[in-house]
Amino acid sequence: MHSIHHPGSGKLSLGGVAIAKPTVNINQTIRARELRVIGVDNEQLGILTLTQALALAESQELDLVEVSPTAVPPVCRIMDYGKFKYQQSKKQQEAKKKQVQVQLKEVKLRPKTDEHDLQFKINHIIRFLEEGNKAKVTLVFRGREITHMEFGKKSLDKIVEAIKDVAIIEVTPKMEGRSMFMIVAPKAKK
């Protein structure tokens, strides 16, 4: 089975199946004739021809990796490419772990939600905010309830009063179809 490169496509075709071309040029995929080469221990090996650099990397059973293709001449490093890819993948995973992902949690209620259930919903909102998430509080009107929006507004006012120490109102109450919603976010910790 031969791998055929279609110029300009950025993909290799292997037996009819298209596979993405590696984003980093290594060994035989390097096209420059002359390269500035850096050794395994970061030592500057100077400017070598591609043939010399490949032979040097091969003699150490390592790969020649193009690390700065836009430089003149391009900079290549002699290294274990498999190990390099593994370390890059580990770094990306660590960076992902450190990212804080804020979710928007939704709490739905009705204009006639009783006091006990309203307190239950408020506790949910406070918990979401303490976890660092935002909360979308949606008040759903059914049937003729929409003619008495003031009951719904009172419920939202009670929620705002109850969470004022831990939250900021990011989106003030707005109507959207047959529902009224607001978005609250956690207050920045000092």
N, C-alpha and C. Protein backbone atom coordinates (compact mmCIF):
# COMPACT_ATOMS: atom_id res chain seq x y z
N MET A 1 0.83 -1.18 0.00
CA MET A 1 0.00 0.00 0.00
C MET A 1 0.87 1.24 0.00
N HIS A 2 0.65 2.13 -0.93
CA HIS A 2 1.45 3.35 -1.03
C HIS A 2 0.70 4.53 -0.45
N SER A 3 1.44 5.46 0.14
CA SER A 3 0.78 6.69 0.57
C SER A 3 1.04 7.74 -0.49
N ILE A 4 -0.03 8.35 -0.97
CA ILE A 4 0.08 9.33 -2.04
C ILE A 4 -0.22 10.69 -1.47
N HIS A 5 0.62 11.66 -1.74
CA HIS A 5 0.39 13.02 -1.27
C HIS A 5 -0.21 13.84 -2.41
N HIS A 6 -1.38 14.43 -2.13
CA HIS A 6 -2.00 15.31 -3.11
C HIS A 6 -1.56 16.72 -2.81
N PRO A 7 -0.78 17.35 -3.69
CA PRO A 7 -0.26 18.69 -3.42
C PRO A 7 -1.38 19.68 -3.14
N GLY A 8 -1.17 20.46 -2.10
CA GLY A 8 -2.12 21.52 -1.77
C GLY A 8 -3.31 21.05 -0.97
N SER A 9 -3.50 19.72 -0.85
CA SER A 9 -4.68 19.24 -0.12
C SER A 9 -4.45 19.23 1.38
N GLY A 10 -3.17 19.14 1.79
CA GLY A 10 -2.88 19.09 3.23
C GLY A 10 -3.23 17.74 3.83
N LYS A 11 -3.55 16.73 2.97
CA LYS A 11 -3.92 15.41 3.48
C LYS A 11 -3.15 14.34 2.74
N LEU A 12 -2.96 13.23 3.39
CA LEU A 12 -2.35 12.07 2.75
C LEU A 12 -3.47 11.10 2.47
N SER A 13 -3.37 10.36 1.37
CA SER A 13 -4.37 9.35 1.07
C SER A 13 -3.71 8.00 1.20
N LEU A 14 -4.24 7.18 2.07
CA LEU A 14 -3.66 5.87 2.32
C LEU A 14 -4.69 4.83 1.90
N GLY A 15 -4.51 4.24 0.70
CA GLY A 15 -5.46 3.25 0.22
C GLY A 15 -6.86 3.80 0.10
N GLY A 16 -7.00 5.08 -0.32
CA GLY A 16 -8.33 5.66 -0.51
C GLY A 16 -8.88 6.36 0.73
N VAL A 17 -8.24 6.16 1.89
CA VAL A 17 -8.72 6.80 3.12
C VAL A 17 -7.86 8.03 3.38
N ALA A 18 -8.50 9.19 3.49
CA ALA A 18 -7.77 10.45 3.71
C ALA A 18 -7.38 10.56 5.18
N ILE A 19 -6.10 10.82 5.43
CA ILE A 19 -5.64 11.03 6.81
C ILE A 19 -4.96 12.40 6.88
N ALA A 20 -5.10 13.07 8.01
CA ALA A 20 -4.55 14.42 8.16
C ALA A 20 -3.04 14.38 8.13
N LYS A 21 -2.46 15.33 7.44
CA LYS A 21 -1.00 15.45 7.37
C LYS A 21 -0.49 15.99 8.70
N PRO A 22 0.62 15.43 9.25
CA PRO A 22 1.12 15.95 10.52
C PRO A 22 1.44 17.44 10.41
N THR A 23 1.16 18.18 11.47
CA THR A 23 1.37 19.62 11.43
C THR A 23 2.84 19.98 11.59
N VAL A 24 3.65 19.06 12.10
CA VAL A 24 5.08 19.30 12.28
C VAL A 24 5.84 18.43 11.28
N ASN A 25 6.80 19.05 10.59
CA ASN A 25 7.61 18.28 9.65
C ASN A 25 8.69 17.53 10.42
N ILE A 26 8.78 16.24 10.15
CA ILE A 26 9.83 15.44 10.78
C ILE A 26 10.53 14.61 9.71
N ASN A 27 11.81 14.35 9.95
CA ASN A 27 12.64 13.52 9.08
C ASN A 27 12.45 13.82 7.58
N GLN A 28 11.91 12.85 6.82
CA GLN A 28 11.82 13.00 5.36
C GLN A 28 10.78 14.03 4.90
N THR A 29 9.90 14.50 5.79
CA THR A 29 8.91 15.50 5.36
C THR A 29 9.48 16.92 5.39
N ILE A 30 10.70 17.07 5.91
CA ILE A 30 11.35 18.38 5.92
C ILE A 30 11.82 18.68 4.49
N ARG A 31 11.54 19.86 4.00
CA ARG A 31 11.83 20.21 2.60
C ARG A 31 13.03 21.14 2.42
N ALA A 32 13.44 21.85 3.46
CA ALA A 32 14.55 22.81 3.31
C ALA A 32 15.86 22.07 3.03
N ARG A 33 16.73 22.69 2.26
CA ARG A 33 18.03 22.06 1.95
C ARG A 33 19.03 22.27 3.07
N GLU A 34 18.97 23.46 3.69
CA GLU A 34 19.89 23.78 4.79
C GLU A 34 19.08 24.06 6.04
N LEU A 35 19.62 23.63 7.19
CA LEU A 35 18.91 23.77 8.45
C LEU A 35 19.85 24.22 9.56
N ARG A 36 19.32 25.00 10.49
CA ARG A 36 20.07 25.29 11.72
C ARG A 36 19.67 24.18 12.69
N VAL A 37 20.64 23.41 13.15
CA VAL A 37 20.33 22.21 13.93
C VAL A 37 20.71 22.39 15.40
N ILE A 38 19.79 21.95 16.27
CA ILE A 38 20.02 21.96 17.71
C ILE A 38 20.05 20.50 18.16
N GLY A 39 21.06 20.18 18.95
CA GLY A 39 21.24 18.80 19.40
C GLY A 39 20.34 18.43 20.56
N VAL A 40 20.48 17.18 21.02
CA VAL A 40 19.65 16.63 22.09
C VAL A 40 19.75 17.45 23.37
N ASP A 41 20.96 17.90 23.70
CA ASP A 41 21.16 18.66 24.95
C ASP A 41 21.17 20.16 24.70
N ASN A 42 20.38 20.61 23.74
CA ASN A 42 20.24 22.03 23.40
C ASN A 42 21.52 22.68 22.86
N GLU A 43 22.48 21.87 22.44
CA GLU A 43 23.71 22.45 21.90
C GLU A 43 23.49 22.84 20.45
N GLN A 44 24.07 23.99 20.06
CA GLN A 44 23.96 24.49 18.69
C GLN A 44 24.93 23.71 17.81
N LEU A 45 24.42 23.01 16.82
CA LEU A 45 25.28 22.23 15.93
C LEU A 45 25.59 22.98 14.64
N GLY A 46 25.02 24.18 14.51
CA GLY A 46 25.31 25.01 13.34
C GLY A 46 24.39 24.70 12.17
N ILE A 47 24.78 25.24 11.01
CA ILE A 47 23.97 25.04 9.80
C ILE A 47 24.49 23.82 9.06
N LEU A 48 23.57 22.86 8.85
CA LEU A 48 23.91 21.60 8.17
C LEU A 48 22.97 21.42 6.98
N THR A 49 23.39 20.57 6.06
CA THR A 49 22.48 20.22 4.96
C THR A 49 21.46 19.24 5.53
N LEU A 50 20.34 19.09 4.83
CA LEU A 50 19.31 18.15 5.27
C LEU A 50 19.87 16.74 5.38
N THR A 51 20.68 16.35 4.43
CA THR A 51 21.27 15.00 4.42
C THR A 51 22.15 14.80 5.65
N GLN A 52 23.00 15.80 5.98
CA GLN A 52 23.87 15.70 7.16
C GLN A 52 23.05 15.61 8.45
N ALA A 53 22.02 16.46 8.55
CA ALA A 53 21.20 16.50 9.76
C ALA A 53 20.44 15.18 9.94
N LEU A 54 19.89 14.64 8.84
CA LEU A 54 19.18 13.36 8.93
C LEU A 54 20.12 12.23 9.35
N ALA A 55 21.32 12.24 8.78
CA ALA A 55 22.31 11.20 9.12
C ALA A 55 22.69 11.29 10.60
N LEU A 56 22.85 12.52 11.10
CA LEU A 56 23.22 12.73 12.50
C LEU A 56 22.10 12.23 13.43
N ALA A 57 20.87 12.57 13.09
CA ALA A 57 19.73 12.12 13.90
C ALA A 57 19.62 10.60 13.87
N GLU A 58 19.81 10.03 12.68
CA GLU A 58 19.70 8.59 12.52
C GLU A 58 20.79 7.86 13.31
N SER A 59 21.99 8.44 13.33
CA SER A 59 23.11 7.81 14.06
C SER A 59 22.83 7.75 15.56
N GLN A 60 21.96 8.66 16.06
CA GLN A 60 21.61 8.67 17.49
C GLN A 60 20.26 7.97 17.73
N GLU A 61 19.71 7.36 16.64
CA GLU A 61 18.42 6.69 16.69
C GLU A 61 17.32 7.64 17.18
N LEU A 62 17.37 8.88 16.68
CA LEU A 62 16.39 9.90 17.04
C LEU A 62 15.79 10.51 15.77
N ASP A 63 14.90 11.45 15.96
CA ASP A 63 14.24 12.11 14.83
C ASP A 63 14.75 13.53 14.66
N LEU A 64 14.62 14.02 13.44
CA LEU A 64 14.93 15.42 13.13
C LEU A 64 13.57 16.11 13.03
N VAL A 65 13.32 17.08 13.93
CA VAL A 65 12.01 17.74 14.01
C VAL A 65 12.17 19.21 13.71
N GLU A 66 11.37 19.72 12.76
CA GLU A 66 11.40 21.13 12.38
C GLU A 66 10.62 21.91 13.44
N VAL A 67 11.31 22.71 14.25
CA VAL A 67 10.66 23.44 15.34
C VAL A 67 10.35 24.88 14.97
N SER A 68 11.06 25.43 14.02
CA SER A 68 10.79 26.80 13.57
C SER A 68 10.92 26.85 12.04
N PRO A 69 9.83 26.46 11.35
CA PRO A 69 9.90 26.37 9.89
C PRO A 69 10.02 27.71 9.18
N THR A 70 9.62 28.81 9.83
CA THR A 70 9.65 30.12 9.16
C THR A 70 10.99 30.83 9.28
N ALA A 71 11.86 30.32 10.16
CA ALA A 71 13.18 30.95 10.31
C ALA A 71 13.99 30.72 9.04
N VAL A 72 15.01 31.55 8.82
CA VAL A 72 15.89 31.40 7.65
C VAL A 72 17.31 31.18 8.15
N PRO A 73 17.91 30.01 7.99
CA PRO A 73 17.28 28.77 7.57
C PRO A 73 16.37 28.20 8.68
N PRO A 74 15.47 27.25 8.34
CA PRO A 74 14.58 26.67 9.35
C PRO A 74 15.38 26.00 10.47
N VAL A 75 14.81 26.04 11.68
CA VAL A 75 15.48 25.45 12.85
C VAL A 75 14.91 24.06 13.08
N CYS A 76 15.82 23.09 13.23
CA CYS A 76 15.41 21.72 13.51
C CYS A 76 16.11 21.24 14.77
N ARG A 77 15.45 20.35 15.46
CA ARG A 77 16.00 19.82 16.71
C ARG A 77 16.07 18.29 16.60
N ILE A 78 17.14 17.72 17.13
CA ILE A 78 17.26 16.27 17.15
C ILE A 78 16.65 15.80 18.47
N MET A 79 15.60 14.94 18.36
CA MET A 79 14.89 14.49 19.56
C MET A 79 14.10 13.23 19.28
N ASP A 80 13.55 12.66 20.33
CA ASP A 80 12.65 11.52 20.22
C ASP A 80 11.26 12.10 19.99
N TYR A 81 10.76 12.03 18.75
CA TYR A 81 9.49 12.68 18.41
C TYR A 81 8.31 12.06 19.17
N GLY A 82 8.33 10.76 19.36
CA GLY A 82 7.26 10.08 20.10
C GLY A 82 7.16 10.61 21.52
N LYS A 83 8.33 10.76 22.15
CA LYS A 83 8.38 11.27 23.53
C LYS A 83 7.93 12.74 23.57
N PHE A 84 8.33 13.51 22.56
CA PHE A 84 7.95 14.92 22.45
C PHE A 84 6.44 15.06 22.34
N LYS A 85 5.81 14.25 21.46
CA LYS A 85 4.36 14.28 21.28
C LYS A 85 3.65 13.91 22.58
N TYR A 86 4.17 12.93 23.30
CA TYR A 86 3.57 12.49 24.56
C TYR A 86 3.63 13.63 25.59
N GLN A 87 4.79 14.31 25.68
CA GLN A 87 4.94 15.42 26.62
C GLN A 87 4.00 16.57 26.27
N GLN A 88 3.85 16.87 24.95
CA GLN A 88 2.94 17.93 24.51
C GLN A 88 1.51 17.59 24.90
N SER A 89 1.13 16.33 24.72
CA SER A 89 -0.22 15.87 25.06
C SER A 89 -0.46 16.01 26.56
N LYS A 90 0.55 15.66 27.38
CA LYS A 90 0.43 15.78 28.84
C LYS A 90 0.27 17.25 29.24
N LYS A 91 1.03 18.14 28.59
CA LYS A 91 0.94 19.58 28.90
C LYS A 91 -0.46 20.10 28.59
N GLN A 92 -1.02 19.67 27.45
CA GLN A 92 -2.36 20.10 27.06
C GLN A 92 -3.41 19.60 28.05
N GLN A 93 -3.24 18.36 28.52
CA GLN A 93 -4.18 17.81 29.50
C GLN A 93 -4.12 18.58 30.80
N GLU A 94 -2.90 18.94 31.23
CA GLU A 94 -2.73 19.71 32.47
C GLU A 94 -3.38 21.08 32.33
N ALA A 95 -3.17 21.72 31.18
CA ALA A 95 -3.76 23.05 30.95
C ALA A 95 -5.28 22.96 30.97
N LYS A 96 -5.83 21.88 30.40
CA LYS A 96 -7.28 21.69 30.39
C LYS A 96 -7.82 21.54 31.81
N LYS A 97 -7.08 20.80 32.65
CA LYS A 97 -7.51 20.59 34.04
C LYS A 97 -7.57 21.90 34.80
N LYS A 98 -6.64 22.81 34.47
CA LYS A 98 -6.56 24.07 35.20
C LYS A 98 -7.62 25.08 34.75
N GLN A 99 -8.21 24.83 33.56
CA GLN A 99 -9.23 25.74 33.06
C GLN A 99 -10.49 25.61 33.91
N VAL A 100 -11.06 26.73 34.25
CA VAL A 100 -12.30 26.73 35.01
C VAL A 100 -13.44 26.81 34.02
N GLN A 101 -14.30 25.81 34.05
CA GLN A 101 -15.43 25.81 33.14
C GLN A 101 -16.67 26.25 33.90
N VAL A 102 -17.23 27.37 33.48
CA VAL A 102 -18.43 27.90 34.11
C VAL A 102 -19.63 27.37 33.34
N GLN A 103 -20.57 26.78 34.08
CA GLN A 103 -21.77 26.26 33.43
C GLN A 103 -22.95 27.16 33.78
N LEU A 104 -23.93 27.15 32.91
CA LEU A 104 -25.16 27.90 33.15
C LEU A 104 -26.22 26.88 33.56
N LYS A 105 -26.58 26.88 34.84
CA LYS A 105 -27.58 25.94 35.37
C LYS A 105 -28.93 26.65 35.38
N GLU A 106 -29.97 25.93 35.03
CA GLU A 106 -31.29 26.56 34.96
C GLU A 106 -32.18 26.08 36.10
N VAL A 107 -32.89 27.02 36.69
CA VAL A 107 -33.87 26.73 37.72
C VAL A 107 -35.20 27.28 37.22
N LYS A 108 -36.21 26.39 37.12
CA LYS A 108 -37.52 26.83 36.62
C LYS A 108 -38.51 26.91 37.77
N LEU A 109 -39.38 27.90 37.71
CA LEU A 109 -40.44 28.02 38.69
C LEU A 109 -41.67 28.63 38.04
N ARG A 110 -42.77 28.61 38.79
CA ARG A 110 -44.04 29.16 38.31
C ARG A 110 -44.41 30.36 39.16
N PRO A 111 -45.27 31.25 38.66
CA PRO A 111 -45.67 32.41 39.45
C PRO A 111 -46.33 32.01 40.78
N LYS A 112 -46.98 30.84 40.79
CA LYS A 112 -47.69 30.42 42.00
C LYS A 112 -46.87 29.45 42.85
N THR A 113 -45.54 29.40 42.64
CA THR A 113 -44.69 28.52 43.45
C THR A 113 -44.80 28.96 44.91
N ASP A 114 -45.13 27.99 45.80
CA ASP A 114 -45.33 28.37 47.21
C ASP A 114 -44.01 28.67 47.91
N GLU A 115 -44.08 29.25 49.07
CA GLU A 115 -42.92 29.75 49.82
C GLU A 115 -41.88 28.65 50.09
N HIS A 116 -42.36 27.45 50.48
CA HIS A 116 -41.45 26.34 50.79
C HIS A 116 -40.65 25.93 49.54
N ASP A 117 -41.36 25.76 48.41
CA ASP A 117 -40.69 25.37 47.16
C ASP A 117 -39.75 26.47 46.66
N LEU A 118 -40.16 27.72 46.87
CA LEU A 118 -39.33 28.85 46.46
C LEU A 118 -38.01 28.84 47.23
N GLN A 119 -38.09 28.55 48.53
CA GLN A 119 -36.87 28.47 49.36
C GLN A 119 -35.97 27.34 48.88
N PHE A 120 -36.58 26.23 48.47
CA PHE A 120 -35.86 25.08 47.95
C PHE A 120 -35.10 25.48 46.68
N LYS A 121 -35.76 26.24 45.79
CA LYS A 121 -35.14 26.71 44.54
C LYS A 121 -34.01 27.70 44.84
N ILE A 122 -34.22 28.57 45.82
CA ILE A 122 -33.18 29.54 46.22
C ILE A 122 -31.94 28.80 46.69
N ASN A 123 -32.13 27.73 47.48
CA ASN A 123 -30.99 26.94 47.96
C ASN A 123 -30.22 26.32 46.80
N HIS A 124 -30.96 25.86 45.76
CA HIS A 124 -30.31 25.32 44.55
C HIS A 124 -29.45 26.40 43.88
N ILE A 125 -30.02 27.59 43.73
CA ILE A 125 -29.31 28.69 43.07
C ILE A 125 -28.04 29.02 43.83
N ILE A 126 -28.15 29.12 45.16
CA ILE A 126 -26.98 29.44 46.00
C ILE A 126 -25.91 28.37 45.84
N ARG A 127 -26.33 27.09 45.80
CA ARG A 127 -25.35 26.01 45.63
C ARG A 127 -24.64 26.12 44.28
N PHE A 128 -25.41 26.40 43.21
CA PHE A 128 -24.80 26.56 41.88
C PHE A 128 -23.78 27.69 41.89
N LEU A 129 -24.14 28.81 42.53
CA LEU A 129 -23.24 29.97 42.57
C LEU A 129 -21.98 29.65 43.37
N GLU A 130 -22.12 28.92 44.47
CA GLU A 130 -20.96 28.56 45.30
C GLU A 130 -20.01 27.62 44.55
N GLU A 131 -20.56 26.85 43.59
CA GLU A 131 -19.73 25.95 42.77
C GLU A 131 -19.04 26.73 41.64
N GLY A 132 -19.33 28.05 41.56
CA GLY A 132 -18.70 28.88 40.54
C GLY A 132 -19.48 28.96 39.24
N ASN A 133 -20.70 28.40 39.23
CA ASN A 133 -21.52 28.42 38.02
C ASN A 133 -22.48 29.61 38.02
N LYS A 134 -23.02 29.88 36.86
CA LYS A 134 -24.06 30.90 36.74
C LYS A 134 -25.40 30.18 36.79
N ALA A 135 -26.46 30.93 37.10
CA ALA A 135 -27.78 30.33 37.14
C ALA A 135 -28.75 31.15 36.32
N LYS A 136 -29.56 30.45 35.53
CA LYS A 136 -30.63 31.10 34.78
C LYS A 136 -31.92 30.76 35.51
N VAL A 137 -32.57 31.78 36.01
CA VAL A 137 -33.82 31.59 36.74
C VAL A 137 -34.95 31.88 35.75
N THR A 138 -35.74 30.85 35.44
CA THR A 138 -36.81 30.98 34.46
C THR A 138 -38.16 30.83 35.14
N LEU A 139 -39.00 31.80 34.91
CA LEU A 139 -40.35 31.82 35.47
C LEU A 139 -41.30 31.54 34.31
N VAL A 140 -42.00 30.39 34.37
CA VAL A 140 -42.84 29.96 33.26
C VAL A 140 -44.30 30.30 33.55
N PHE A 141 -44.91 31.05 32.64
CA PHE A 141 -46.33 31.41 32.77
C PHE A 141 -47.15 30.44 31.93
N ARG A 142 -48.26 29.96 32.51
CA ARG A 142 -49.16 29.08 31.75
C ARG A 142 -50.54 29.72 31.67
N GLY A 143 -51.17 29.55 30.55
CA GLY A 143 -52.54 30.04 30.38
C GLY A 143 -52.67 31.52 30.68
N ARG A 144 -53.62 31.84 31.57
CA ARG A 144 -53.92 33.24 31.88
C ARG A 144 -52.95 33.86 32.87
N GLU A 145 -52.04 33.06 33.42
CA GLU A 145 -51.07 33.61 34.40
C GLU A 145 -50.30 34.79 33.82
N ILE A 146 -50.14 34.81 32.51
CA ILE A 146 -49.35 35.86 31.86
C ILE A 146 -50.00 37.24 32.05
N THR A 147 -51.28 37.27 32.36
CA THR A 147 -51.95 38.56 32.59
C THR A 147 -51.63 39.11 33.98
N HIS A 148 -51.02 38.26 34.83
CA HIS A 148 -50.65 38.70 36.18
C HIS A 148 -49.14 38.54 36.39
N MET A 149 -48.39 39.23 35.58
CA MET A 149 -46.92 39.14 35.65
C MET A 149 -46.37 39.62 36.98
N GLU A 150 -47.13 40.48 37.68
CA GLU A 150 -46.63 41.02 38.95
C GLU A 150 -46.36 39.92 39.97
N PHE A 151 -47.14 38.78 39.91
CA PHE A 151 -46.89 37.67 40.84
C PHE A 151 -45.52 37.04 40.56
N GLY A 152 -45.23 36.90 39.27
CA GLY A 152 -43.94 36.34 38.88
C GLY A 152 -42.80 37.27 39.26
N LYS A 153 -43.00 38.55 39.05
CA LYS A 153 -41.97 39.55 39.38
C LYS A 153 -41.67 39.53 40.87
N LYS A 154 -42.72 39.32 41.70
CA LYS A 154 -42.53 39.26 43.16
C LYS A 154 -41.64 38.07 43.53
N SER A 155 -41.87 36.93 42.85
CA SER A 155 -41.03 35.74 43.11
C SER A 155 -39.57 36.01 42.77
N LEU A 156 -39.34 36.64 41.62
CA LEU A 156 -37.96 36.96 41.22
C LEU A 156 -37.33 37.96 42.20
N ASP A 157 -38.13 38.93 42.68
CA ASP A 157 -37.62 39.90 43.66
C ASP A 157 -37.19 39.20 44.95
N LYS A 158 -37.98 38.19 45.38
CA LYS A 158 -37.65 37.44 46.60
C LYS A 158 -36.32 36.69 46.41
N ILE A 159 -36.14 36.14 45.22
CA ILE A 159 -34.90 35.41 44.92
C ILE A 159 -33.72 36.38 44.95
N VAL A 160 -33.86 37.52 44.29
CA VAL A 160 -32.79 38.52 44.25
C VAL A 160 -32.40 38.93 45.67
N GLU A 161 -33.40 39.17 46.52
CA GLU A 161 -33.15 39.58 47.91
C GLU A 161 -32.41 38.47 48.66
N ALA A 162 -32.80 37.21 48.44
CA ALA A 162 -32.20 36.08 49.17
C ALA A 162 -30.76 35.80 48.75
N ILE A 163 -30.41 36.10 47.49
CA ILE A 163 -29.06 35.74 47.02
C ILE A 163 -28.13 36.95 46.87
N LYS A 164 -28.58 38.13 47.31
CA LYS A 164 -27.82 39.37 47.05
C LYS A 164 -26.40 39.34 47.62
N ASP A 165 -26.16 38.53 48.68
CA ASP A 165 -24.82 38.49 49.27
C ASP A 165 -23.83 37.64 48.46
N VAL A 166 -24.37 36.72 47.67
CA VAL A 166 -23.48 35.80 46.93
C VAL A 166 -23.53 35.98 45.42
N ALA A 167 -24.46 36.82 44.92
CA ALA A 167 -24.65 36.91 43.48
C ALA A 167 -24.74 38.33 42.96
N ILE A 168 -24.45 38.44 41.68
CA ILE A 168 -24.72 39.69 40.96
C ILE A 168 -25.71 39.34 39.85
N ILE A 169 -26.58 40.28 39.52
CA ILE A 169 -27.55 40.06 38.45
C ILE A 169 -26.85 40.40 37.14
N GLU A 170 -26.62 39.39 36.33
CA GLU A 170 -25.93 39.59 35.07
C GLU A 170 -26.89 40.02 33.96
N VAL A 171 -28.08 39.40 33.95
CA VAL A 171 -29.12 39.78 33.00
C VAL A 171 -30.38 40.03 33.82
N THR A 172 -30.86 41.26 33.81
CA THR A 172 -32.06 41.61 34.59
C THR A 172 -33.28 40.91 34.00
N PRO A 173 -34.34 40.72 34.80
CA PRO A 173 -35.52 39.99 34.31
C PRO A 173 -36.03 40.49 32.97
N LYS A 174 -36.20 39.55 32.04
CA LYS A 174 -36.68 39.86 30.67
C LYS A 174 -37.74 38.85 30.29
N MET A 175 -38.65 39.28 29.44
CA MET A 175 -39.66 38.36 28.91
C MET A 175 -39.12 37.70 27.65
N GLU A 176 -39.43 36.42 27.51
CA GLU A 176 -39.06 35.66 26.31
C GLU A 176 -40.20 34.68 26.05
N GLY A 177 -41.06 35.03 25.13
CA GLY A 177 -42.24 34.19 24.88
C GLY A 177 -43.16 34.21 26.08
N ARG A 178 -43.47 33.02 26.61
CA ARG A 178 -44.35 32.91 27.77
C ARG A 178 -43.55 32.73 29.06
N SER A 179 -42.30 33.16 29.05
CA SER A 179 -41.50 33.04 30.27
C SER A 179 -40.69 34.30 30.52
N MET A 180 -40.36 34.49 31.78
CA MET A 180 -39.52 35.61 32.20
C MET A 180 -38.26 34.98 32.78
N PHE A 181 -37.10 35.53 32.43
CA PHE A 181 -35.88 34.95 32.97
C PHE A 181 -34.89 36.02 33.40
N MET A 182 -33.97 35.60 34.25
CA MET A 182 -32.83 36.45 34.63
C MET A 182 -31.64 35.54 34.81
N ILE A 183 -30.44 36.09 34.66
CA ILE A 183 -29.23 35.30 34.84
C ILE A 183 -28.43 35.93 35.98
N VAL A 184 -28.03 35.07 36.92
CA VAL A 184 -27.23 35.54 38.05
C VAL A 184 -25.88 34.84 38.02
N ALA A 185 -24.85 35.55 38.45
CA ALA A 185 -23.49 35.02 38.45
C ALA A 185 -22.91 35.18 39.85
N PRO A 186 -21.93 34.35 40.21
CA PRO A 186 -21.34 34.48 41.55
C PRO A 186 -20.57 35.79 41.67
N LYS A 187 -20.62 36.37 42.87
CA LYS A 187 -19.84 37.58 43.13
C LYS A 187 -18.37 37.20 43.13
N ALA A 188 -17.52 38.10 42.65
CA ALA A 188 -16.08 37.83 42.65
C ALA A 188 -15.60 37.76 44.09
N LYS A 189 -14.80 36.73 44.38
CA LYS A 189 -14.28 36.59 45.75
C LYS A 189 -13.13 37.56 45.96
N LYS A 190 -13.13 38.19 47.12
CA LYS A 190 -12.08 39.18 47.41
C LYS A 190 -10.85 38.47 47.97
